[in-house]
């Protein structure tokens, strides 16, 4: 089955800078492993040595994060679109309770 894989900019160098590649497979894992086999250098960016997906990456099939489906064993229909996204973390550190921020119900002290 042919699947379109959309790739974030930080993973594009092994793909010659392309934002999308086509790969074959019946599951998310098969598709990503096929893409890694066709594009040397792409596999280490996707997978840990154990074969699991790198934890800072999220893969979506449609609107669903595959971690909440069947992970790499999630079936993919022909002509599906997989989207790889880097996991978002952190922030400004200036939310409620952070230095300089306030927590609702508490008065600021000087």
PDB file of N, CA and C in Angstrom:
ATOM      1  N   UNK A   1       0.840  -1.182   0.000  1.00  0.00           N
ATOM      2  CA  UNK A   1       0.000   0.000   0.000  1.00  0.00           C
ATOM      3  C   UNK A   1       0.880   1.238   0.000  1.00  0.00           C
ATOM      4  N   UNK A   2       0.536   2.201  -0.797  1.00  0.00           N
ATOM      5  CA  UNK A   2       1.296   3.443  -0.874  1.00  0.00           C
ATOM      6  C   UNK A   2       0.755   4.450   0.133  1.00  0.00           C
ATOM      7  N   UNK A   3       1.665   5.003   0.934  1.00  0.00           N
ATOM      8  CA  UNK A   3       1.297   5.955   1.978  1.00  0.00           C
ATOM      9  C   UNK A   3       2.180   7.191   1.835  1.00  0.00           C
ATOM     10  N   UNK A   4       1.580   8.355   2.014  1.00  0.00           N
ATOM     11  CA  UNK A   4       2.322   9.606   1.997  1.00  0.00           C
ATOM     12  C   UNK A   4       2.781   9.905   3.418  1.00  0.00           C
ATOM     13  N   UNK A   5       4.071  10.189   3.581  1.00  0.00           N
ATOM     14  CA  UNK A   5       4.627  10.518   4.897  1.00  0.00           C
ATOM     15  C   UNK A   5       5.086  11.966   4.853  1.00  0.00           C
ATOM     16  N   UNK A   6       4.504  12.805   5.695  1.00  0.00           N
ATOM     17  CA  UNK A   6       4.896  14.212   5.800  1.00  0.00           C
ATOM     18  C   UNK A   6       5.921  14.341   6.926  1.00  0.00           C
ATOM     19  N   UNK A   7       7.007  15.043   6.631  1.00  0.00           N
ATOM     20  CA  UNK A   7       8.167  15.057   7.507  1.00  0.00           C
ATOM     21  C   UNK A   7       8.487  16.479   7.959  1.00  0.00           C
ATOM     22  N   UNK A   8       8.758  16.685   9.267  1.00  0.00           N
ATOM     23  CA  UNK A   8       9.121  18.021   9.736  1.00  0.00           C
ATOM     24  C   UNK A   8      10.519  18.411   9.241  1.00  0.00           C
ATOM     25  N   UNK A   9      10.786  19.683   9.229  1.00  0.00           N
ATOM     26  CA  UNK A   9      12.036  20.193   8.657  1.00  0.00           C
ATOM     27  C   UNK A   9      13.278  19.605   9.315  1.00  0.00           C
ATOM     28  N   UNK A  10      13.257  19.335  10.610  1.00  0.00           N
ATOM     29  CA  UNK A  10      14.453  18.812  11.267  1.00  0.00           C
ATOM     30  C   UNK A  10      14.805  17.408  10.812  1.00  0.00           C
ATOM     31  N   UNK A  11      13.882  16.670  10.189  1.00  0.00           N
ATOM     32  CA  UNK A  11      14.154  15.319   9.706  1.00  0.00           C
ATOM     33  C   UNK A  11      14.353  15.253   8.196  1.00  0.00           C
ATOM     34  N   UNK A  12      14.365  16.381   7.516  1.00  0.00           N
ATOM     35  CA  UNK A  12      14.426  16.383   6.056  1.00  0.00           C
ATOM     36  C   UNK A  12      15.809  16.190   5.439  1.00  0.00           C
ATOM     37  N   UNK A  13      16.915  16.471   6.112  1.00  0.00           N
ATOM     38  CA  UNK A  13      18.216  16.319   5.445  1.00  0.00           C
ATOM     39  C   UNK A  13      18.449  14.957   4.784  1.00  0.00           C
ATOM     40  N   UNK A  14      18.140  13.814   5.445  1.00  0.00           N
ATOM     41  CA  UNK A  14      18.363  12.540   4.758  1.00  0.00           C
ATOM     42  C   UNK A  14      17.423  12.309   3.568  1.00  0.00           C
ATOM     43  N   UNK A  15      16.405  13.148   3.465  1.00  0.00           N
ATOM     44  CA  UNK A  15      15.430  13.027   2.376  1.00  0.00           C
ATOM     45  C   UNK A  15      15.721  14.023   1.262  1.00  0.00           C
ATOM     46  N   UNK A  16      16.899  14.614   1.292  1.00  0.00           N
ATOM     47  CA  UNK A  16      17.237  15.620   0.288  1.00  0.00           C
ATOM     48  C   UNK A  16      16.424  16.882   0.452  1.00  0.00           C
ATOM     49  N   UNK A  17      15.929  17.134   1.667  1.00  0.00           N
ATOM     50  CA  UNK A  17      15.160  18.341   1.936  1.00  0.00           C
ATOM     51  C   UNK A  17      13.674  18.219   1.639  1.00  0.00           C
ATOM     52  N   UNK A  18      13.240  17.064   1.167  1.00  0.00           N
ATOM     53  CA  UNK A  18      11.816  16.907   0.819  1.00  0.00           C
ATOM     54  C   UNK A  18      10.930  16.893   2.065  1.00  0.00           C
ATOM     55  N   UNK A  19       9.774  17.501   1.945  1.00  0.00           N
ATOM     56  CA  UNK A  19       8.804  17.558   3.040  1.00  0.00           C
ATOM     57  C   UNK A  19       7.893  16.334   3.060  1.00  0.00           C
ATOM     58  N   UNK A  20       7.844  15.595   1.960  1.00  0.00           N
ATOM     59  CA  UNK A  20       6.979  14.423   1.851  1.00  0.00           C
ATOM     60  C   UNK A  20       7.702  13.326   1.077  1.00  0.00           C
ATOM     61  N   UNK A  21       7.456  12.100   1.497  1.00  0.00           N
ATOM     62  CA  UNK A  21       7.953  10.939   0.761  1.00  0.00           C
ATOM     63  C   UNK A  21       6.838   9.908   0.713  1.00  0.00           C
ATOM     64  N   UNK A  22       6.907   9.024  -0.258  1.00  0.00           N
ATOM     65  CA  UNK A  22       5.965   7.907  -0.341  1.00  0.00           C
ATOM     66  C   UNK A  22       6.672   6.664   0.145  1.00  0.00           C
ATOM     67  N   UNK A  23       5.939   5.825   0.859  1.00  0.00           N
ATOM     68  CA  UNK A  23       6.484   4.567   1.346  1.00  0.00           C
ATOM     69  C   UNK A  23       5.385   3.517   1.313  1.00  0.00           C
ATOM     70  N   UNK A  24       5.809   2.268   1.399  1.00  0.00           N
ATOM     71  CA  UNK A  24       4.884   1.142   1.333  1.00  0.00           C
ATOM     72  C   UNK A  24       4.789   0.470   2.695  1.00  0.00           C
ATOM     73  N   UNK A  25       3.643  -0.113   2.979  1.00  0.00           N
ATOM     74  CA  UNK A  25       3.480  -0.884   4.200  1.00  0.00           C
ATOM     75  C   UNK A  25       2.029  -0.963   4.622  1.00  0.00           C
ATOM     76  N   UNK A  26       1.736  -1.973   5.430  1.00  0.00           N
ATOM     77  CA  UNK A  26       0.371  -2.174   5.916  1.00  0.00           C
ATOM     78  C   UNK A  26       0.165  -1.581   7.302  1.00  0.00           C
ATOM     79  N   UNK A  27       1.287  -1.291   8.007  1.00  0.00           N
ATOM     80  CA  UNK A  27       1.192  -0.695   9.339  1.00  0.00           C
ATOM     81  C   UNK A  27       2.088   0.541   9.386  1.00  0.00           C
ATOM     82  N   UNK A  28       1.900   1.348  10.411  1.00  0.00           N
ATOM     83  CA  UNK A  28       2.725   2.541  10.579  1.00  0.00           C
ATOM     84  C   UNK A  28       4.200   2.149  10.629  1.00  0.00           C
ATOM     85  N   UNK A  29       4.529   1.120  11.395  1.00  0.00           N
ATOM     86  CA  UNK A  29       5.906   0.680  11.513  1.00  0.00           C
ATOM     87  C   UNK A  29       6.494   0.235  10.184  1.00  0.00           C
ATOM     88  N   UNK A  30       5.731  -0.533   9.416  1.00  0.00           N
ATOM     89  CA  UNK A  30       6.209  -0.988   8.106  1.00  0.00           C
ATOM     90  C   UNK A  30       6.459   0.189   7.171  1.00  0.00           C
ATOM     91  N   UNK A  31       5.562   1.154   7.186  1.00  0.00           N
ATOM     92  CA  UNK A  31       5.717   2.331   6.318  1.00  0.00           C
ATOM     93  C   UNK A  31       6.978   3.101   6.708  1.00  0.00           C
ATOM     94  N   UNK A  32       7.160   3.350   8.000  1.00  0.00           N
ATOM     95  CA  UNK A  32       8.320   4.123   8.429  1.00  0.00           C
ATOM     96  C   UNK A  32       9.620   3.360   8.193  1.00  0.00           C
ATOM     97  N   UNK A  33       9.614   2.043   8.408  1.00  0.00           N
ATOM     98  CA  UNK A  33      10.817   1.251   8.142  1.00  0.00           C
ATOM     99  C   UNK A  33      11.134   1.217   6.645  1.00  0.00           C
ATOM    100  N   UNK A  34      10.109   1.173   5.797  1.00  0.00           N
ATOM    101  CA  UNK A  34      10.340   1.207   4.354  1.00  0.00           C
ATOM    102  C   UNK A  34      10.946   2.548   3.953  1.00  0.00           C
ATOM    103  N   UNK A  35      10.396   3.631   4.483  1.00  0.00           N
ATOM    104  CA  UNK A  35      10.951   4.956   4.179  1.00  0.00           C
ATOM    105  C   UNK A  35      12.401   5.041   4.640  1.00  0.00           C
ATOM    106  N   UNK A  36      12.701   4.451   5.804  1.00  0.00           N
ATOM    107  CA  UNK A  36      14.067   4.461   6.329  1.00  0.00           C
ATOM    108  C   UNK A  36      15.004   3.631   5.454  1.00  0.00           C
ATOM    109  N   UNK A  37      14.515   2.537   4.908  1.00  0.00           N
ATOM    110  CA  UNK A  37      15.342   1.689   4.048  1.00  0.00           C
ATOM    111  C   UNK A  37      15.651   2.367   2.719  1.00  0.00           C
ATOM    112  N   UNK A  38      14.695   3.111   2.201  1.00  0.00           N
ATOM    113  CA  UNK A  38      14.861   3.789   0.914  1.00  0.00           C
ATOM    114  C   UNK A  38      15.724   5.044   1.043  1.00  0.00           C
ATOM    115  N   UNK A  39      15.726   5.668   2.217  1.00  0.00           N
ATOM    116  CA  UNK A  39      16.442   6.928   2.437  1.00  0.00           C
ATOM    117  C   UNK A  39      17.473   6.746   3.557  1.00  0.00           C
ATOM    118  N   UNK A  40      18.707   6.381   3.191  1.00  0.00           N
ATOM    119  CA  UNK A  40      19.740   6.177   4.212  1.00  0.00           C
ATOM    120  C   UNK A  40      19.883   7.414   5.111  1.00  0.00           C
ATOM    121  N   UNK A  41      20.011   7.170   6.392  1.00  0.00           N
ATOM    122  CA  UNK A  41      20.128   8.253   7.365  1.00  0.00           C
ATOM    123  C   UNK A  41      18.801   8.646   7.985  1.00  0.00           C
ATOM    124  N   UNK A  42      17.701   8.253   7.368  1.00  0.00           N
ATOM    125  CA  UNK A  42      16.382   8.599   7.890  1.00  0.00           C
ATOM    126  C   UNK A  42      16.021   7.705   9.081  1.00  0.00           C
ATOM    127  N   UNK A  43      16.400   6.439   9.033  1.00  0.00           N
ATOM    128  CA  UNK A  43      16.080   5.492  10.097  1.00  0.00           C
ATOM    129  C   UNK A  43      16.583   5.918  11.462  1.00  0.00           C
ATOM    130  N   UNK A  44      17.881   6.286  11.596  1.00  0.00           N
ATOM    131  CA  UNK A  44      18.365   6.709  12.904  1.00  0.00           C
ATOM    132  C   UNK A  44      17.664   7.956  13.447  1.00  0.00           C
ATOM    133  N   UNK A  45      17.114   8.775  12.561  1.00  0.00           N
ATOM    134  CA  UNK A  45      16.370   9.953  13.008  1.00  0.00           C
ATOM    135  C   UNK A  45      14.996   9.561  13.556  1.00  0.00           C
ATOM    136  N   UNK A  46      14.472   8.424  13.095  1.00  0.00           N
ATOM    137  CA  UNK A  46      13.137   7.975  13.501  1.00  0.00           C
ATOM    138  C   UNK A  46      13.137   7.003  14.665  1.00  0.00           C
ATOM    139  N   UNK A  47      14.110   6.080  14.666  1.00  0.00           N
ATOM    140  CA  UNK A  47      14.052   4.941  15.571  1.00  0.00           C
ATOM    141  C   UNK A  47      15.211   4.894  16.557  1.00  0.00           C
ATOM    142  N   UNK A  48      14.896   4.422  17.757  1.00  0.00           N
ATOM    143  CA  UNK A  48      15.909   4.094  18.760  1.00  0.00           C
ATOM    144  C   UNK A  48      16.594   2.799  18.311  1.00  0.00           C
ATOM    145  N   UNK A  49      17.714   2.463  18.925  1.00  0.00           N
ATOM    146  CA  UNK A  49      18.415   1.219  18.605  1.00  0.00           C
ATOM    147  C   UNK A  49      17.520   0.002  18.845  1.00  0.00           C
ATOM    148  N   UNK A  50      16.580   0.112  19.783  1.00  0.00           N
ATOM    149  CA  UNK A  50      15.663  -0.983  20.101  1.00  0.00           C
ATOM    150  C   UNK A  50      14.596  -1.191  19.026  1.00  0.00           C
ATOM    151  N   UNK A  51      14.478  -0.237  18.098  1.00  0.00           N
ATOM    152  CA  UNK A  51      13.452  -0.323  17.059  1.00  0.00           C
ATOM    153  C   UNK A  51      12.202   0.472  17.376  1.00  0.00           C
ATOM    154  N   UNK A  52      12.117   1.023  18.582  1.00  0.00           N
ATOM    155  CA  UNK A  52      10.953   1.839  18.939  1.00  0.00           C
ATOM    156  C   UNK A  52      11.123   3.247  18.349  1.00  0.00           C
ATOM    157  N   UNK A  53      10.008   3.899  18.160  1.00  0.00           N
ATOM    158  CA  UNK A  53      10.022   5.261  17.651  1.00  0.00           C
ATOM    159  C   UNK A  53      10.684   6.177  18.676  1.00  0.00           C
ATOM    160  N   UNK A  54      11.492   7.111  18.216  1.00  0.00           N
ATOM    161  CA  UNK A  54      12.126   8.056  19.136  1.00  0.00           C
ATOM    162  C   UNK A  54      11.040   8.775  19.924  1.00  0.00           C
ATOM    163  N   UNK A  55      11.280   8.964  21.210  1.00  0.00           N
ATOM    164  CA  UNK A  55      10.213   9.483  22.070  1.00  0.00           C
ATOM    165  C   UNK A  55       9.896  10.944  21.817  1.00  0.00           C
ATOM    166  N   UNK A  56      10.772  11.695  21.164  1.00  0.00           N
ATOM    167  CA  UNK A  56      10.469  13.095  20.886  1.00  0.00           C
ATOM    168  C   UNK A  56       9.674  13.278  19.603  1.00  0.00           C
ATOM    169  N   UNK A  57       9.268  12.172  18.972  1.00  0.00           N
ATOM    170  CA  UNK A  57       8.471  12.240  17.749  1.00  0.00           C
ATOM    171  C   UNK A  57       7.055  11.740  18.004  1.00  0.00           C
ATOM    172  N   UNK A  58       6.112  12.376  17.348  1.00  0.00           N
ATOM    173  CA  UNK A  58       4.728  11.904  17.345  1.00  0.00           C
ATOM    174  C   UNK A  58       4.357  11.618  15.897  1.00  0.00           C
ATOM    175  N   UNK A  59       3.585  10.562  15.696  1.00  0.00           N
ATOM    176  CA  UNK A  59       3.127  10.206  14.353  1.00  0.00           C
ATOM    177  C   UNK A  59       1.607  10.200  14.379  1.00  0.00           C
ATOM    178  N   UNK A  60       1.039  10.898  13.425  1.00  0.00           N
ATOM    179  CA  UNK A  60      -0.413  10.994  13.323  1.00  0.00           C
ATOM    180  C   UNK A  60      -0.907  10.314  12.063  1.00  0.00           C
ATOM    181  N   UNK A  61      -1.985   9.574  12.193  1.00  0.00           N
ATOM    182  CA  UNK A  61      -2.722   9.000  11.076  1.00  0.00           C
ATOM    183  C   UNK A  61      -4.051   9.722  11.090  1.00  0.00           C
ATOM    184  N   UNK A  62      -4.239  10.603  10.123  1.00  0.00           N
ATOM    185  CA  UNK A  62      -5.393  11.490  10.178  1.00  0.00           C
ATOM    186  C   UNK A  62      -5.215  12.412  11.371  1.00  0.00           C
ATOM    187  N   UNK A  63      -6.211  12.498  12.217  1.00  0.00           N
ATOM    188  CA  UNK A  63      -6.151  13.343  13.411  1.00  0.00           C
ATOM    189  C   UNK A  63      -5.741  12.565  14.656  1.00  0.00           C
ATOM    190  N   UNK A  64      -5.392  11.286  14.502  1.00  0.00           N
ATOM    191  CA  UNK A  64      -5.120  10.424  15.644  1.00  0.00           C
ATOM    192  C   UNK A  64      -3.630  10.192  15.844  1.00  0.00           C
ATOM    193  N   UNK A  65      -3.159  10.430  17.052  1.00  0.00           N
ATOM    194  CA  UNK A  65      -1.793  10.097  17.430  1.00  0.00           C
ATOM    195  C   UNK A  65      -1.726   8.580  17.535  1.00  0.00           C
ATOM    196  N   UNK A  66      -0.817   7.938  16.785  1.00  0.00           N
ATOM    197  CA  UNK A  66      -0.793   6.478  16.750  1.00  0.00           C
ATOM    198  C   UNK A  66      -0.432   5.867  18.103  1.00  0.00           C
ATOM    199  N   UNK A  67       0.164   6.651  19.017  1.00  0.00           N
ATOM    200  CA  UNK A  67       0.451   6.141  20.363  1.00  0.00           C
ATOM    201  C   UNK A  67      -0.839   5.727  21.060  1.00  0.00           C
ATOM    202  N   UNK A  68      -1.960   6.376  20.711  1.00  0.00           N
ATOM    203  CA  UNK A  68      -3.233   6.086  21.353  1.00  0.00           C
ATOM    204  C   UNK A  68      -4.073   5.114  20.534  1.00  0.00           C
ATOM    205  N   UNK A  69      -3.492   4.620  19.455  1.00  0.00           N
ATOM    206  CA  UNK A  69      -4.137   3.578  18.654  1.00  0.00           C
ATOM    207  C   UNK A  69      -3.385   2.281  18.959  1.00  0.00           C
ATOM    208  N   UNK A  70      -2.660   1.769  17.974  1.00  0.00           N
ATOM    209  CA  UNK A  70      -1.886   0.539  18.173  1.00  0.00           C
ATOM    210  C   UNK A  70      -0.389   0.787  17.976  1.00  0.00           C
ATOM    211  N   UNK A  71       0.023   2.035  18.147  1.00  0.00           N
ATOM    212  CA  UNK A  71       1.432   2.363  17.997  1.00  0.00           C
ATOM    213  C   UNK A  71       1.933   2.042  16.601  1.00  0.00           C
ATOM    214  N   UNK A  72       3.134   1.493  16.510  1.00  0.00           N
ATOM    215  CA  UNK A  72       3.711   1.145  15.212  1.00  0.00           C
ATOM    216  C   UNK A  72       2.940   0.031  14.521  1.00  0.00           C
ATOM    217  N   UNK A  73       2.100  -0.696  15.262  1.00  0.00           N
ATOM    218  CA  UNK A  73       1.288  -1.768  14.677  1.00  0.00           C
ATOM    219  C   UNK A  73      -0.048  -1.265  14.134  1.00  0.00           C
ATOM    220  N   UNK A  74      -0.280   0.036  14.179  1.00  0.00           N
ATOM    221  CA  UNK A  74      -1.531   0.606  13.676  1.00  0.00           C
ATOM    222  C   UNK A  74      -1.646   0.365  12.171  1.00  0.00           C
ATOM    223  N   UNK A  75      -2.725  -0.262  11.719  1.00  0.00           N
ATOM    224  CA  UNK A  75      -2.909  -0.476  10.279  1.00  0.00           C
ATOM    225  C   UNK A  75      -3.105   0.856   9.553  1.00  0.00           C
ATOM    226  N   UNK A  76      -2.582   0.934   8.340  1.00  0.00           N
ATOM    227  CA  UNK A  76      -2.775   2.130   7.523  1.00  0.00           C
ATOM    228  C   UNK A  76      -3.430   1.727   6.208  1.00  0.00           C
ATOM    229  N   UNK A  77      -4.496   2.410   5.827  1.00  0.00           N
ATOM    230  CA  UNK A  77      -5.125   2.106   4.542  1.00  0.00           C
ATOM    231  C   UNK A  77      -4.296   2.660   3.390  1.00  0.00           C
ATOM    232  N   UNK A  78      -4.485   2.095   2.222  1.00  0.00           N
ATOM    233  CA  UNK A  78      -3.815   2.584   1.019  1.00  0.00           C
ATOM    234  C   UNK A  78      -4.149   4.061   0.829  1.00  0.00           C
ATOM    235  N   UNK A  79      -3.157   4.826   0.426  1.00  0.00           N
ATOM    236  CA  UNK A  79      -3.265   6.267   0.181  1.00  0.00           C
ATOM    237  C   UNK A  79      -3.477   7.086   1.457  1.00  0.00           C
ATOM    238  N   UNK A  80      -3.184   6.488   2.609  1.00  0.00           N
ATOM    239  CA  UNK A  80      -3.270   7.228   3.868  1.00  0.00           C
ATOM    240  C   UNK A  80      -2.156   8.275   3.921  1.00  0.00           C
ATOM    241  N   UNK A  81      -2.280   9.182   4.864  1.00  0.00           N
ATOM    242  CA  UNK A  81      -1.250  10.194   5.108  1.00  0.00           C
ATOM    243  C   UNK A  81      -0.790  10.064   6.550  1.00  0.00           C
ATOM    244  N   UNK A  82       0.514   9.871   6.740  1.00  0.00           N
ATOM    245  CA  UNK A  82       1.118   9.890   8.062  1.00  0.00           C
ATOM    246  C   UNK A  82       1.840  11.214   8.215  1.00  0.00           C
ATOM    247  N   UNK A  83       1.690  11.828   9.358  1.00  0.00           N
ATOM    248  CA  UNK A  83       2.370  13.088   9.636  1.00  0.00           C
ATOM    249  C   UNK A  83       3.274  12.871  10.843  1.00  0.00           C
ATOM    250  N   UNK A  84       4.559  13.141  10.665  1.00  0.00           N
ATOM    251  CA  UNK A  84       5.519  13.048  11.759  1.00  0.00           C
ATOM    252  C   UNK A  84       5.714  14.458  12.306  1.00  0.00           C
ATOM    253  N   UNK A  85       5.572  14.598  13.612  1.00  0.00           N
ATOM    254  CA  UNK A  85       5.762  15.901  14.245  1.00  0.00           C
ATOM    255  C   UNK A  85       6.728  15.763  15.411  1.00  0.00           C
ATOM    256  N   UNK A  86       7.582  16.758  15.604  1.00  0.00           N
ATOM    257  CA  UNK A  86       8.404  16.739  16.811  1.00  0.00           C
ATOM    258  C   UNK A  86       7.506  17.028  18.003  1.00  0.00           C
ATOM    259  N   UNK A  87       7.747  16.338  19.099  1.00  0.00           N
ATOM    260  CA  UNK A  87       6.950  16.559  20.297  1.00  0.00           C
ATOM    261  C   UNK A  87       7.215  17.955  20.827  1.00  0.00           C
ATOM    262  N   UNK A  88       6.171  18.628  21.240  1.00  0.00           N
ATOM    263  CA  UNK A  88       6.304  19.959  21.814  1.00  0.00           C
ATOM    264  C   UNK A  88       6.523  19.816  23.309  1.00  0.00           C
ATOM    265  N   UNK A  89       7.445  20.598  23.824  1.00  0.00           N
ATOM    266  CA  UNK A  89       7.718  20.562  25.259  1.00  0.00           C
ATOM    267  C   UNK A  89       8.169  21.938  25.709  1.00  0.00           C
ATOM    268  N   UNK A  90       8.117  22.120  26.999  1.00  0.00           N
ATOM    269  CA  UNK A  90       8.630  23.372  27.548  1.00  0.00           C
ATOM    270  C   UNK A  90       7.619  24.485  27.455  1.00  0.00           C
ATOM    271  N   UNK A  91       8.110  25.667  27.329  1.00  0.00           N
ATOM    272  CA  UNK A  91       7.273  26.851  27.293  1.00  0.00           C
ATOM    273  C   UNK A  91       8.072  28.010  27.820  1.00  0.00           C
ATOM    274  N   UNK A  92       7.422  29.093  28.062  1.00  0.00           N
ATOM    275  CA  UNK A  92       8.129  30.294  28.494  1.00  0.00           C
ATOM    276  C   UNK A  92       8.516  30.239  29.968  1.00  0.00           C
ATOM    277  N   UNK A  93       7.853  29.371  30.730  1.00  0.00           N
ATOM    278  CA  UNK A  93       8.121  29.328  32.164  1.00  0.00           C
ATOM    279  C   UNK A  93       7.475  30.490  32.902  1.00  0.00           C
ATOM    280  N   UNK A  94       6.621  31.236  32.226  1.00  0.00           N
ATOM    281  CA  UNK A  94       6.009  32.407  32.844  1.00  0.00           C
ATOM    282  C   UNK A  94       4.514  32.216  33.075  1.00  0.00           C
ATOM    283  N   UNK A  95       4.081  30.974  33.186  1.00  0.00           N
ATOM    284  CA  UNK A  95       2.676  30.718  33.450  1.00  0.00           C
ATOM    285  C   UNK A  95       2.350  30.960  34.911  1.00  0.00           C
ATOM    286  N   UNK A  96       1.110  30.688  35.320  1.00  0.00           N
ATOM    287  CA  UNK A  96       0.712  30.875  36.711  1.00  0.00           C
ATOM    288  C   UNK A  96       1.640  30.133  37.659  1.00  0.00           C
ATOM    289  N   UNK A  97       2.085  30.794  38.693  1.00  0.00           N
ATOM    290  CA  UNK A  97       2.945  30.180  39.686  1.00  0.00           C
ATOM    291  C   UNK A  97       4.420  30.288  39.368  1.00  0.00           C
ATOM    292  N   UNK A  98       4.770  30.675  38.149  1.00  0.00           N
ATOM    293  CA  UNK A  98       6.179  30.827  37.794  1.00  0.00           C
ATOM    294  C   UNK A  98       6.672  32.165  38.318  1.00  0.00           C
ATOM    295  N   UNK A  99       7.968  32.325  38.366  1.00  0.00           N
ATOM    296  CA  UNK A  99       8.535  33.595  38.845  1.00  0.00           C
ATOM    297  C   UNK A  99       7.942  34.731  38.033  1.00  0.00           C
ATOM    298  N   UNK A 100       7.341  35.658  38.710  1.00  0.00           N
ATOM    299  CA  UNK A 100       6.737  36.795  38.004  1.00  0.00           C
ATOM    300  C   UNK A 100       5.283  36.568  37.655  1.00  0.00           C
ATOM    301  N   UNK A 101       4.813  35.302  37.713  1.00  0.00           N
ATOM    302  CA  UNK A 101       3.417  35.016  37.416  1.00  0.00           C
ATOM    303  C   UNK A 101       2.621  34.979  38.691  1.00  0.00           C
ATOM    304  N   UNK A 102       1.336  34.827  38.576  1.00  0.00           N
ATOM    305  CA  UNK A 102       0.508  34.737  39.777  1.00  0.00           C
ATOM    306  C   UNK A 102      -0.407  33.538  39.663  1.00  0.00           C
ATOM    307  N   UNK A 103      -0.819  33.064  40.812  1.00  0.00           N
ATOM    308  CA  UNK A 103      -1.762  31.963  40.872  1.00  0.00           C
ATOM    309  C   UNK A 103      -3.102  32.546  41.226  1.00  0.00           C
ATOM    310  N   UNK A 104      -4.174  32.163  40.480  1.00  0.00           N
ATOM    311  CA  UNK A 104      -5.488  32.704  40.802  1.00  0.00           C
ATOM    312  C   UNK A 104      -5.839  32.513  42.265  1.00  0.00           C
ATOM    313  N   UNK A 105      -6.364  33.554  42.901  1.00  0.00           N
ATOM    314  CA  UNK A 105      -6.769  33.478  44.293  1.00  0.00           C
ATOM    315  C   UNK A 105      -5.683  33.896  45.257  1.00  0.00           C
ATOM    316  N   UNK A 106      -4.483  34.128  44.769  1.00  0.00           N
ATOM    317  CA  UNK A 106      -3.403  34.576  45.635  1.00  0.00           C
ATOM    318  C   UNK A 106      -3.042  36.016  45.287  1.00  0.00           C
ATOM    319  N   UNK A 107      -2.772  36.779  46.297  1.00  0.00           N
ATOM    320  CA  UNK A 107      -2.361  38.168  46.060  1.00  0.00           C
ATOM    321  C   UNK A 107      -0.858  38.217  45.903  1.00  0.00           C
ATOM    322  N   UNK A 108      -0.408  39.067  45.035  1.00  0.00           N
ATOM    323  CA  UNK A 108       1.030  39.255  44.844  1.00  0.00           C
ATOM    324  C   UNK A 108       1.605  39.976  46.050  1.00  0.00           C
ATOM    325  N   UNK A 109       2.781  39.570  46.451  1.00  0.00           N
ATOM    326  CA  UNK A 109       3.466  40.262  47.552  1.00  0.00           C
ATOM    327  C   UNK A 109       4.714  40.926  47.023  1.00  0.00           C
ATOM    328  N   UNK A 110       5.060  42.041  47.606  1.00  0.00           N
ATOM    329  CA  UNK A 110       6.260  42.758  47.133  1.00  0.00           C
ATOM    330  C   UNK A 110       7.421  42.550  48.029  1.00  0.00           C
TER     331      UNK A 110
END
